[in-house]
Amino acid sequence: MLIMGKNDAFRKVHFAVMAIENGAKKMHISGTEMHDRLKKQDLIAQRLFRRYEELHTQSLEYVTDDIVETLTNWENESKK
């Protein structure tokens, strides 16, 4: 098991908050609703934290588009 240092955890949480807030703006919903929808699909852990090393090197616009598209796709899949 990989143990994160305090700085690593802080960076990942800060990154996730930025992605959630910008995704919410793009979708014209509240940050709370965005958080809840991402959490329901487990995308905070599965996408934002798990893929942090890859995603944090991208632009905020790219990350925002990625998380919105992924959320939309996963929600549509879960409805089937």
PDB file of N, CA and C in Angstrom:
ATOM      1  N   MET A   1       0.840  -1.183   0.000  1.00  0.00           N
ATOM      2  CA  MET A   1       0.000   0.000   0.000  1.00  0.00           C
ATOM      3  C   MET A   1       0.880   1.238   0.000  1.00  0.00           C
ATOM      4  N   LEU A   2       0.570   2.168  -0.894  1.00  0.00           N
ATOM      5  CA  LEU A   2       1.322   3.407  -1.003  1.00  0.00           C
ATOM      6  C   LEU A   2       0.783   4.406   0.017  1.00  0.00           C
ATOM      7  N   ILE A   3       1.668   4.972   0.797  1.00  0.00           N
ATOM      8  CA  ILE A   3       1.265   5.954   1.809  1.00  0.00           C
ATOM      9  C   ILE A   3       1.592   7.345   1.278  1.00  0.00           C
ATOM     10  N   MET A   4       0.595   8.205   1.247  1.00  0.00           N
ATOM     11  CA  MET A   4       0.786   9.575   0.770  1.00  0.00           C
ATOM     12  C   MET A   4       1.270  10.454   1.914  1.00  0.00           C
ATOM     13  N   GLY A   5       2.165  11.364   1.580  1.00  0.00           N
ATOM     14  CA  GLY A   5       2.555  12.372   2.542  1.00  0.00           C
ATOM     15  C   GLY A   5       1.490  13.454   2.613  1.00  0.00           C
ATOM     16  N   LYS A   6       1.583  14.307   3.606  1.00  0.00           N
ATOM     17  CA  LYS A   6       0.594  15.378   3.770  1.00  0.00           C
ATOM     18  C   LYS A   6       0.553  16.279   2.546  1.00  0.00           C
ATOM     19  N   ASN A   7       1.720  16.595   1.982  1.00  0.00           N
ATOM     20  CA  ASN A   7       1.754  17.460   0.800  1.00  0.00           C
ATOM     21  C   ASN A   7       1.097  16.807  -0.395  1.00  0.00           C
ATOM     22  N   ASP A   8       1.311  15.497  -0.593  1.00  0.00           N
ATOM     23  CA  ASP A   8       0.680  14.776  -1.692  1.00  0.00           C
ATOM     24  C   ASP A   8      -0.830  14.782  -1.535  1.00  0.00           C
ATOM     25  N   ALA A   9      -1.293  14.523  -0.356  1.00  0.00           N
ATOM     26  CA  ALA A   9      -2.736  14.505  -0.103  1.00  0.00           C
ATOM     27  C   ALA A   9      -3.326  15.891  -0.335  1.00  0.00           C
ATOM     28  N   PHE A  10      -2.655  16.921   0.150  1.00  0.00           N
ATOM     29  CA  PHE A  10      -3.129  18.293  -0.042  1.00  0.00           C
ATOM     30  C   PHE A  10      -3.221  18.621  -1.524  1.00  0.00           C
ATOM     31  N   ARG A  11      -2.200  18.273  -2.304  1.00  0.00           N
ATOM     32  CA  ARG A  11      -2.205  18.563  -3.738  1.00  0.00           C
ATOM     33  C   ARG A  11      -3.357  17.860  -4.439  1.00  0.00           C
ATOM     34  N   LYS A  12      -3.579  16.619  -4.091  1.00  0.00           N
ATOM     35  CA  LYS A  12      -4.662  15.857  -4.732  1.00  0.00           C
ATOM     36  C   LYS A  12      -6.028  16.421  -4.369  1.00  0.00           C
ATOM     37  N   VAL A  13      -6.214  16.776  -3.124  1.00  0.00           N
ATOM     38  CA  VAL A  13      -7.494  17.352  -2.712  1.00  0.00           C
ATOM     39  C   VAL A  13      -7.691  18.710  -3.384  1.00  0.00           C
ATOM     40  N   HIS A  14      -6.676  19.533  -3.409  1.00  0.00           N
ATOM     41  CA  HIS A  14      -6.761  20.836  -4.062  1.00  0.00           C
ATOM     42  C   HIS A  14      -7.096  20.671  -5.544  1.00  0.00           C
ATOM     43  N   PHE A  15      -6.453  19.736  -6.201  1.00  0.00           N
ATOM     44  CA  PHE A  15      -6.723  19.439  -7.611  1.00  0.00           C
ATOM     45  C   PHE A  15      -8.172  19.004  -7.804  1.00  0.00           C
ATOM     46  N   ALA A  16      -8.658  18.119  -6.940  1.00  0.00           N
ATOM     47  CA  ALA A  16     -10.036  17.627  -7.043  1.00  0.00           C
ATOM     48  C   ALA A  16     -11.035  18.762  -6.842  1.00  0.00           C
ATOM     49  N   VAL A  17     -10.775  19.629  -5.878  1.00  0.00           N
ATOM     50  CA  VAL A  17     -11.680  20.760  -5.625  1.00  0.00           C
ATOM     51  C   VAL A  17     -11.742  21.665  -6.851  1.00  0.00           C
ATOM     52  N   MET A  18     -10.600  21.962  -7.443  1.00  0.00           N
ATOM     53  CA  MET A  18     -10.592  22.802  -8.643  1.00  0.00           C
ATOM     54  C   MET A  18     -11.373  22.141  -9.778  1.00  0.00           C
ATOM     55  N   ALA A  19     -11.173  20.844  -9.970  1.00  0.00           N
ATOM     56  CA  ALA A  19     -11.876  20.126 -11.030  1.00  0.00           C
ATOM     57  C   ALA A  19     -13.380  20.104 -10.776  1.00  0.00           C
ATOM     58  N   ILE A  20     -13.769  19.878  -9.536  1.00  0.00           N
ATOM     59  CA  ILE A  20     -15.199  19.841  -9.186  1.00  0.00           C
ATOM     60  C   ILE A  20     -15.835  21.204  -9.416  1.00  0.00           C
ATOM     61  N   GLU A  21     -15.215  22.251  -8.936  1.00  0.00           N
ATOM     62  CA  GLU A  21     -15.778  23.594  -9.090  1.00  0.00           C
ATOM     63  C   GLU A  21     -15.862  24.021 -10.549  1.00  0.00           C
ATOM     64  N   ASN A  22     -14.831  23.746 -11.316  1.00  0.00           N
ATOM     65  CA  ASN A  22     -14.856  24.118 -12.731  1.00  0.00           C
ATOM     66  C   ASN A  22     -15.829  23.254 -13.523  1.00  0.00           C
ATOM     67  N   GLY A  23     -15.942  21.988 -13.160  1.00  0.00           N
ATOM     68  CA  GLY A  23     -16.939  21.124 -13.787  1.00  0.00           C
ATOM     69  C   GLY A  23     -18.346  21.604 -13.493  1.00  0.00           C
ATOM     70  N   ALA A  24     -18.572  22.032 -12.267  1.00  0.00           N
ATOM     71  CA  ALA A  24     -19.886  22.553 -11.882  1.00  0.00           C
ATOM     72  C   ALA A  24     -20.238  23.798 -12.695  1.00  0.00           C
ATOM     73  N   LYS A  25     -19.267  24.681 -12.853  1.00  0.00           N
ATOM     74  CA  LYS A  25     -19.508  25.889 -13.657  1.00  0.00           C
ATOM     75  C   LYS A  25     -19.858  25.525 -15.089  1.00  0.00           C
ATOM     76  N   LYS A  26     -19.127  24.590 -15.657  1.00  0.00           N
ATOM     77  CA  LYS A  26     -19.369  24.177 -17.040  1.00  0.00           C
ATOM     78  C   LYS A  26     -20.755  23.556 -17.196  1.00  0.00           C
ATOM     79  N   MET A  27     -21.202  22.833 -16.181  1.00  0.00           N
ATOM     80  CA  MET A  27     -22.503  22.166 -16.242  1.00  0.00           C
ATOM     81  C   MET A  27     -23.638  23.049 -15.709  1.00  0.00           C
ATOM     82  N   HIS A  28     -23.298  24.232 -15.223  1.00  0.00           N
ATOM     83  CA  HIS A  28     -24.281  25.180 -14.668  1.00  0.00           C
ATOM     84  C   HIS A  28     -25.047  24.573 -13.490  1.00  0.00           C
ATOM     85  N   ILE A  29     -24.285  23.935 -12.612  1.00  0.00           N
ATOM     86  CA  ILE A  29     -24.849  23.366 -11.385  1.00  0.00           C
ATOM     87  C   ILE A  29     -23.985  23.819 -10.212  1.00  0.00           C
ATOM     88  N   SER A  30     -24.452  23.575  -9.004  1.00  0.00           N
ATOM     89  CA  SER A  30     -23.668  23.963  -7.826  1.00  0.00           C
ATOM     90  C   SER A  30     -22.486  23.014  -7.634  1.00  0.00           C
ATOM     91  N   GLY A  31     -21.492  23.492  -6.920  1.00  0.00           N
ATOM     92  CA  GLY A  31     -20.359  22.644  -6.579  1.00  0.00           C
ATOM     93  C   GLY A  31     -20.784  21.444  -5.750  1.00  0.00           C
ATOM     94  N   THR A  32     -21.760  21.649  -4.884  1.00  0.00           N
ATOM     95  CA  THR A  32     -22.265  20.552  -4.051  1.00  0.00           C
ATOM     96  C   THR A  32     -22.914  19.474  -4.908  1.00  0.00           C
ATOM     97  N   GLU A  33     -23.733  19.894  -5.875  1.00  0.00           N
ATOM     98  CA  GLU A  33     -24.370  18.899  -6.754  1.00  0.00           C
ATOM     99  C   GLU A  33     -23.325  18.153  -7.574  1.00  0.00           C
ATOM    100  N   MET A  34     -22.337  18.875  -8.078  1.00  0.00           N
ATOM    101  CA  MET A  34     -21.271  18.230  -8.856  1.00  0.00           C
ATOM    102  C   MET A  34     -20.540  17.219  -7.988  1.00  0.00           C
ATOM    103  N   HIS A  35     -20.179  17.621  -6.780  1.00  0.00           N
ATOM    104  CA  HIS A  35     -19.490  16.719  -5.858  1.00  0.00           C
ATOM    105  C   HIS A  35     -20.327  15.462  -5.618  1.00  0.00           C
ATOM    106  N   ASP A  36     -21.610  15.656  -5.335  1.00  0.00           N
ATOM    107  CA  ASP A  36     -22.477  14.525  -5.030  1.00  0.00           C
ATOM    108  C   ASP A  36     -22.606  13.577  -6.218  1.00  0.00           C
ATOM    109  N   ARG A  37     -22.722  14.138  -7.413  1.00  0.00           N
ATOM    110  CA  ARG A  37     -22.842  13.294  -8.609  1.00  0.00           C
ATOM    111  C   ARG A  37     -21.540  12.546  -8.875  1.00  0.00           C
ATOM    112  N   LEU A  38     -20.407  13.216  -8.725  1.00  0.00           N
ATOM    113  CA  LEU A  38     -19.110  12.548  -8.904  1.00  0.00           C
ATOM    114  C   LEU A  38     -18.918  11.460  -7.856  1.00  0.00           C
ATOM    115  N   LYS A  39     -19.282  11.763  -6.620  1.00  0.00           N
ATOM    116  CA  LYS A  39     -19.135  10.790  -5.535  1.00  0.00           C
ATOM    117  C   LYS A  39     -20.011   9.564  -5.776  1.00  0.00           C
ATOM    118  N   LYS A  40     -21.228   9.779  -6.232  1.00  0.00           N
ATOM    119  CA  LYS A  40     -22.144   8.673  -6.511  1.00  0.00           C
ATOM    120  C   LYS A  40     -21.558   7.726  -7.559  1.00  0.00           C
ATOM    121  N   GLN A  41     -20.849   8.266  -8.527  1.00  0.00           N
ATOM    122  CA  GLN A  41     -20.218   7.454  -9.577  1.00  0.00           C
ATOM    123  C   GLN A  41     -18.806   7.002  -9.184  1.00  0.00           C
ATOM    124  N   ASP A  42     -18.351   7.385  -8.004  1.00  0.00           N
ATOM    125  CA  ASP A  42     -17.003   7.092  -7.503  1.00  0.00           C
ATOM    126  C   ASP A  42     -15.906   7.698  -8.376  1.00  0.00           C
ATOM    127  N   LEU A  43     -16.219   8.810  -9.020  1.00  0.00           N
ATOM    128  CA  LEU A  43     -15.246   9.435  -9.910  1.00  0.00           C
ATOM    129  C   LEU A  43     -14.216  10.285  -9.191  1.00  0.00           C
ATOM    130  N   ILE A  44     -14.499  10.709  -7.992  1.00  0.00           N
ATOM    131  CA  ILE A  44     -13.477  11.468  -7.256  1.00  0.00           C
ATOM    132  C   ILE A  44     -12.290  10.550  -6.993  1.00  0.00           C
ATOM    133  N   ALA A  45     -12.560   9.378  -6.504  1.00  0.00           N
ATOM    134  CA  ALA A  45     -11.485   8.411  -6.237  1.00  0.00           C
ATOM    135  C   ALA A  45     -10.949   7.795  -7.522  1.00  0.00           C
ATOM    136  N   GLN A  46     -11.859   7.337  -8.387  1.00  0.00           N
ATOM    137  CA  GLN A  46     -11.452   6.583  -9.575  1.00  0.00           C
ATOM    138  C   GLN A  46     -10.818   7.439 -10.672  1.00  0.00           C
ATOM    139  N   ARG A  47     -11.186   8.696 -10.749  1.00  0.00           N
ATOM    140  CA  ARG A  47     -10.678   9.542 -11.823  1.00  0.00           C
ATOM    141  C   ARG A  47      -9.727  10.609 -11.298  1.00  0.00           C
ATOM    142  N   LEU A  48     -10.197  11.408 -10.371  1.00  0.00           N
ATOM    143  CA  LEU A  48      -9.397  12.557  -9.946  1.00  0.00           C
ATOM    144  C   LEU A  48      -8.205  12.157  -9.086  1.00  0.00           C
ATOM    145  N   PHE A  49      -8.401  11.251  -8.141  1.00  0.00           N
ATOM    146  CA  PHE A  49      -7.274  10.829  -7.298  1.00  0.00           C
ATOM    147  C   PHE A  49      -6.415   9.770  -7.996  1.00  0.00           C
ATOM    148  N   ARG A  50      -7.038   8.760  -8.552  1.00  0.00           N
ATOM    149  CA  ARG A  50      -6.280   7.660  -9.164  1.00  0.00           C
ATOM    150  C   ARG A  50      -5.456   8.137 -10.354  1.00  0.00           C
ATOM    151  N   ARG A  51      -5.985   9.069 -11.129  1.00  0.00           N
ATOM    152  CA  ARG A  51      -5.285   9.540 -12.332  1.00  0.00           C
ATOM    153  C   ARG A  51      -4.642  10.914 -12.128  1.00  0.00           C
ATOM    154  N   TYR A  52      -4.427  11.281 -10.878  1.00  0.00           N
ATOM    155  CA  TYR A  52      -3.839  12.584 -10.561  1.00  0.00           C
ATOM    156  C   TYR A  52      -2.522  12.820 -11.296  1.00  0.00           C
ATOM    157  N   GLU A  53      -1.628  11.859 -11.263  1.00  0.00           N
ATOM    158  CA  GLU A  53      -0.299  12.041 -11.863  1.00  0.00           C
ATOM    159  C   GLU A  53      -0.396  12.395 -13.344  1.00  0.00           C
ATOM    160  N   GLU A  54      -1.341  11.815 -14.028  1.00  0.00           N
ATOM    161  CA  GLU A  54      -1.543  12.113 -15.446  1.00  0.00           C
ATOM    162  C   GLU A  54      -2.303  13.433 -15.639  1.00  0.00           C
ATOM    163  N   LEU A  55      -3.396  13.596 -14.913  1.00  0.00           N
ATOM    164  CA  LEU A  55      -4.279  14.731 -15.153  1.00  0.00           C
ATOM    165  C   LEU A  55      -3.730  16.073 -14.684  1.00  0.00           C
ATOM    166  N   HIS A  56      -2.964  16.085 -13.596  1.00  0.00           N
ATOM    167  CA  HIS A  56      -2.530  17.388 -13.078  1.00  0.00           C
ATOM    168  C   HIS A  56      -1.528  18.089 -13.992  1.00  0.00           C
ATOM    169  N   THR A  57      -1.014  17.369 -14.971  1.00  0.00           N
ATOM    170  CA  THR A  57      -0.092  17.983 -15.932  1.00  0.00           C
ATOM    171  C   THR A  57      -0.831  18.635 -17.098  1.00  0.00           C
ATOM    172  N   GLN A  58      -2.140  18.444 -17.149  1.00  0.00           N
ATOM    173  CA  GLN A  58      -2.959  18.999 -18.230  1.00  0.00           C
ATOM    174  C   GLN A  58      -3.527  20.354 -17.822  1.00  0.00           C
ATOM    175  N   SER A  59      -4.086  21.055 -18.787  1.00  0.00           N
ATOM    176  CA  SER A  59      -4.708  22.335 -18.496  1.00  0.00           C
ATOM    177  C   SER A  59      -5.987  22.121 -17.693  1.00  0.00           C
ATOM    178  N   LEU A  60      -6.400  23.150 -16.982  1.00  0.00           N
ATOM    179  CA  LEU A  60      -7.644  23.072 -16.211  1.00  0.00           C
ATOM    180  C   LEU A  60      -8.827  22.847 -17.150  1.00  0.00           C
ATOM    181  N   GLU A  61      -8.787  23.443 -18.315  1.00  0.00           N
ATOM    182  CA  GLU A  61      -9.857  23.242 -19.303  1.00  0.00           C
ATOM    183  C   GLU A  61      -9.942  21.770 -19.719  1.00  0.00           C
ATOM    184  N   TYR A  62      -8.799  21.154 -19.952  1.00  0.00           N
ATOM    185  CA  TYR A  62      -8.774  19.727 -20.329  1.00  0.00           C
ATOM    186  C   TYR A  62      -9.362  18.873 -19.211  1.00  0.00           C
ATOM    187  N   VAL A  63      -8.925  19.122 -17.987  1.00  0.00           N
ATOM    188  CA  VAL A  63      -9.402  18.346 -16.840  1.00  0.00           C
ATOM    189  C   VAL A  63     -10.900  18.541 -16.655  1.00  0.00           C
ATOM    190  N   THR A  64     -11.356  19.780 -16.809  1.00  0.00           N
ATOM    191  CA  THR A  64     -12.783  20.069 -16.685  1.00  0.00           C
ATOM    192  C   THR A  64     -13.579  19.313 -17.734  1.00  0.00           C
ATOM    193  N   ASP A  65     -13.149  19.391 -18.975  1.00  0.00           N
ATOM    194  CA  ASP A  65     -13.835  18.668 -20.049  1.00  0.00           C
ATOM    195  C   ASP A  65     -13.819  17.166 -19.800  1.00  0.00           C
ATOM    196  N   ASP A  66     -12.694  16.648 -19.340  1.00  0.00           N
ATOM    197  CA  ASP A  66     -12.555  15.220 -19.070  1.00  0.00           C
ATOM    198  C   ASP A  66     -13.526  14.758 -17.981  1.00  0.00           C
ATOM    199  N   ILE A  67     -13.594  15.496 -16.894  1.00  0.00           N
ATOM    200  CA  ILE A  67     -14.433  15.050 -15.779  1.00  0.00           C
ATOM    201  C   ILE A  67     -15.913  15.201 -16.112  1.00  0.00           C
ATOM    202  N   VAL A  68     -16.281  16.248 -16.851  1.00  0.00           N
ATOM    203  CA  VAL A  68     -17.677  16.426 -17.255  1.00  0.00           C
ATOM    204  C   VAL A  68     -18.087  15.323 -18.229  1.00  0.00           C
ATOM    205  N   GLU A  69     -17.252  15.049 -19.202  1.00  0.00           N
ATOM    206  CA  GLU A  69     -17.562  13.995 -20.176  1.00  0.00           C
ATOM    207  C   GLU A  69     -17.637  12.626 -19.504  1.00  0.00           C
ATOM    208  N   THR A  70     -16.697  12.350 -18.622  1.00  0.00           N
ATOM    209  CA  THR A  70     -16.693  11.068 -17.929  1.00  0.00           C
ATOM    210  C   THR A  70     -17.925  10.923 -17.048  1.00  0.00           C
ATOM    211  N   LEU A  71     -18.268  11.965 -16.310  1.00  0.00           N
ATOM    212  CA  LEU A  71     -19.460  11.927 -15.460  1.00  0.00           C
ATOM    213  C   LEU A  71     -20.705  11.659 -16.299  1.00  0.00           C
ATOM    214  N   THR A  72     -20.855  12.390 -17.373  1.00  0.00           N
ATOM    215  CA  THR A  72     -22.019  12.219 -18.239  1.00  0.00           C
ATOM    216  C   THR A  72     -22.093  10.788 -18.781  1.00  0.00           C
ATOM    217  N   ASN A  73     -20.972  10.281 -19.256  1.00  0.00           N
ATOM    218  CA  ASN A  73     -20.940   8.915 -19.795  1.00  0.00           C
ATOM    219  C   ASN A  73     -21.259   7.873 -18.725  1.00  0.00           C
ATOM    220  N   TRP A  74     -20.666   8.005 -17.542  1.00  0.00           N
ATOM    221  CA  TRP A  74     -20.894   7.020 -16.475  1.00  0.00           C
ATOM    222  C   TRP A  74     -22.336   7.078 -15.973  1.00  0.00           C
ATOM    223  N   GLU A  75     -22.895   8.285 -15.878  1.00  0.00           N
ATOM    224  CA  GLU A  75     -24.298   8.385 -15.456  1.00  0.00           C
ATOM    225  C   GLU A  75     -25.215   7.745 -16.503  1.00  0.00           C
ATOM    226  N   ASN A  76     -24.938   7.972 -17.778  1.00  0.00           N
ATOM    227  CA  ASN A  76     -25.746   7.358 -18.829  1.00  0.00           C
ATOM    228  C   ASN A  76     -25.629   5.841 -18.805  1.00  0.00           C
ATOM    229  N   GLU A  77     -24.436   5.327 -18.557  1.00  0.00           N
ATOM    230  CA  GLU A  77     -24.234   3.877 -18.477  1.00  0.00           C
ATOM    231  C   GLU A  77     -24.968   3.269 -17.293  1.00  0.00           C
ATOM    232  N   SER A  78     -24.993   3.985 -16.189  1.00  0.00           N
ATOM    233  CA  SER A  78     -25.635   3.454 -14.984  1.00  0.00           C
ATOM    234  C   SER A  78     -27.161   3.432 -15.109  1.00  0.00           C
ATOM    235  N   LYS A  79     -27.702   4.194 -16.060  1.00  0.00           N
ATOM    236  CA  LYS A  79     -29.148   4.218 -16.294  1.00  0.00           C
ATOM    237  C   LYS A  79     -29.614   3.034 -17.129  1.00  0.00           C
ATOM    238  N   LYS A  80     -28.680   2.395 -17.804  1.00  0.00           N
ATOM    239  CA  LYS A  80     -29.048   1.273 -18.687  1.00  0.00           C
ATOM    240  C   LYS A  80     -29.386   0.032 -17.899  1.00  0.00           C
TER     241      LYS A  80
END
